[in-house]
Structures are given as structure tokens and as C-alpha cells.
Protein backbone atom coordinates (compact mmCIF):
# COMPACT_ATOMS: atom_id res chain seq x y z
CA MET A 1 204.66 -198.57 47.53
CA GLU A 2 203.02 -196.64 50.42
CA ASP A 3 206.20 -195.53 53.27
CA PRO A 4 204.89 -197.36 56.09
CA LYS A 5 205.25 -194.59 59.14
CA ALA A 6 202.95 -193.14 56.35
CA ALA A 7 200.46 -195.92 56.73
CA GLU A 8 200.56 -195.78 60.17
CA ALA A 9 199.79 -191.94 60.89
CA LYS A 10 197.39 -192.32 58.53
CA ALA A 11 195.50 -195.04 59.78
CA ARG A 12 195.42 -193.15 62.66
CA GLY A 13 194.83 -190.23 61.36
CA ASN A 14 191.75 -191.92 59.86
CA ALA A 15 190.23 -193.18 63.22
CA ALA A 16 190.90 -189.69 64.25
CA PHE A 17 188.28 -188.69 62.35
CA ALA A 18 185.88 -190.93 62.58
CA GLU A 19 185.34 -189.83 65.73
CA LYS A 20 185.23 -186.16 64.39
CA ASP A 21 188.37 -185.51 65.97
CA PHE A 22 189.91 -183.31 63.95
CA ALA A 23 192.54 -181.46 65.66
CA THR A 24 194.15 -184.70 66.37
CA ALA A 25 193.58 -186.13 63.23
CA ILE A 26 195.01 -182.90 61.16
CA LYS A 27 198.46 -184.07 63.43
CA HIS A 28 198.61 -187.85 62.52
CA PHE A 29 197.95 -186.63 57.94
CA THR A 30 200.92 -184.10 58.98
CA GLU A 31 202.90 -186.80 60.14
CA ALA A 32 201.96 -189.04 57.09
CA ILE A 33 203.32 -186.00 55.18
CA SER A 34 206.36 -185.84 56.65
CA HIS A 35 207.12 -189.49 55.24
CA SER A 36 205.71 -189.34 51.79
CA THR A 37 204.05 -186.25 49.34
CA HIS A 38 201.02 -189.06 48.78
CA HIS A 39 198.17 -187.14 47.58
CA VAL A 40 195.93 -188.55 49.68
CA PHE A 41 196.87 -187.87 52.73
CA TYR A 42 196.51 -183.65 52.13
CA SER A 43 193.02 -184.88 50.96
CA ASN A 44 192.86 -186.11 53.76
CA ARG A 45 193.63 -182.83 56.01
CA SER A 46 192.08 -180.60 53.47
CA ALA A 47 188.71 -181.97 54.84
CA CYS A 48 189.85 -181.70 58.56
CA TYR A 49 190.85 -178.20 58.58
CA ALA A 50 187.55 -178.05 55.97
CA SER A 51 185.75 -179.80 59.11
CA LEU A 52 187.04 -177.59 61.44
CA GLY A 53 186.05 -173.70 59.54
CA GLU A 54 189.83 -173.42 58.40
CA TYR A 55 189.34 -172.61 54.60
CA GLU A 56 192.63 -171.29 53.54
CA LYS A 57 194.40 -174.47 55.06
CA ALA A 58 191.83 -176.55 53.51
CA LEU A 59 192.50 -175.43 50.08
CA GLU A 60 195.98 -175.01 50.02
CA ASP A 61 195.83 -178.87 50.72
CA GLY A 62 192.71 -179.22 48.44
CA SER A 63 195.78 -177.56 46.24
CA GLU A 64 198.60 -179.96 47.09
CA CYS A 65 196.13 -182.89 46.53
CA VAL A 66 195.44 -181.28 42.50
CA LYS A 67 199.17 -180.26 42.00
CA LEU A 68 199.36 -183.39 43.10
CA LYS A 69 197.13 -186.21 41.21
CA PRO A 70 195.19 -184.25 38.71
CA ASP A 71 193.43 -187.19 37.70
CA TRP A 72 191.78 -187.47 40.73
CA PRO A 73 188.43 -185.82 41.09
CA LYS A 74 187.91 -185.72 44.65
CA GLY A 75 191.45 -183.52 45.00
CA TYR A 76 188.92 -181.40 42.87
CA ALA A 77 186.64 -181.52 45.01
CA ARG A 78 188.02 -180.89 48.27
CA LYS A 79 190.03 -176.92 46.35
CA GLY A 80 186.16 -176.64 44.85
CA LEU A 81 184.44 -177.28 48.72
CA ALA A 82 187.33 -174.74 50.56
CA GLU A 83 186.65 -172.13 47.81
CA PHE A 84 183.14 -171.82 47.62
CA PHE A 85 183.44 -171.54 51.88
CA LEU A 86 185.64 -168.47 51.58
CA LYS A 87 182.62 -167.29 48.72
CA ARG A 88 185.40 -166.92 45.63
CA TYR A 89 182.62 -168.86 44.36
CA ASP A 90 183.60 -168.29 40.36
CA GLU A 91 187.66 -170.33 41.21
CA ALA A 92 185.21 -173.26 43.14
CA ALA A 93 182.41 -173.96 39.90
CA GLU A 94 185.69 -173.88 37.67
CA THR A 95 187.96 -176.09 40.25
CA TYR A 96 184.53 -178.15 39.89
CA LYS A 97 184.21 -177.72 36.50
CA LYS A 98 187.96 -179.56 35.84
CA GLY A 99 187.45 -182.13 38.03
């Protein structure tokens, strides 16, 4: 069960993401993470960082997502995307294969 405060922050983050206000979305997902280390919060924040071209941070969150939920393919997609844009093509290919 998700922490209510985390769920509220996630909802605000999702709304900001939908408006393409990625910096605000990052703040909300970071708040959600402060209440609960749910893998989806890291996935969503990774998507925000990638949308801003901050691929190192996107990779950190994508990696954490995979660590928390290794059987969730979307985490590998987040991680692989960041690796690809960091020109770590072999790593990206391996990540995509795992997911």
C-alpha cells in the first residue's frame, strides 16, 4: 500500500509531467520518494530527467528502479534510454535485453 503523502506527491508529479513542467514534476517525485521508495517514483523521475536531457540523473533513477523492482520491464526501458543518450550503446543494449 502506498503512503498517502507519497501518493499525493506522485499525483502532483504526474500532473506536472503531463503539462511538460518537468522541473516541478521532479520536485514532486522527489517528495514522493522521501515518503516511500516505490520503484514507480524513481521511474517517473527518471523520465523527467531524461526529458530535460539530464541523462546521468536519469540513469541513476533508472538504475534504482531496476534495483527495487527487477521484474518490471519499464525500469529497464528508463535505464536503457539514459545509457543510449550517454552514448553507452553496449550497456544500453544489455539493459534492453534484460528487460
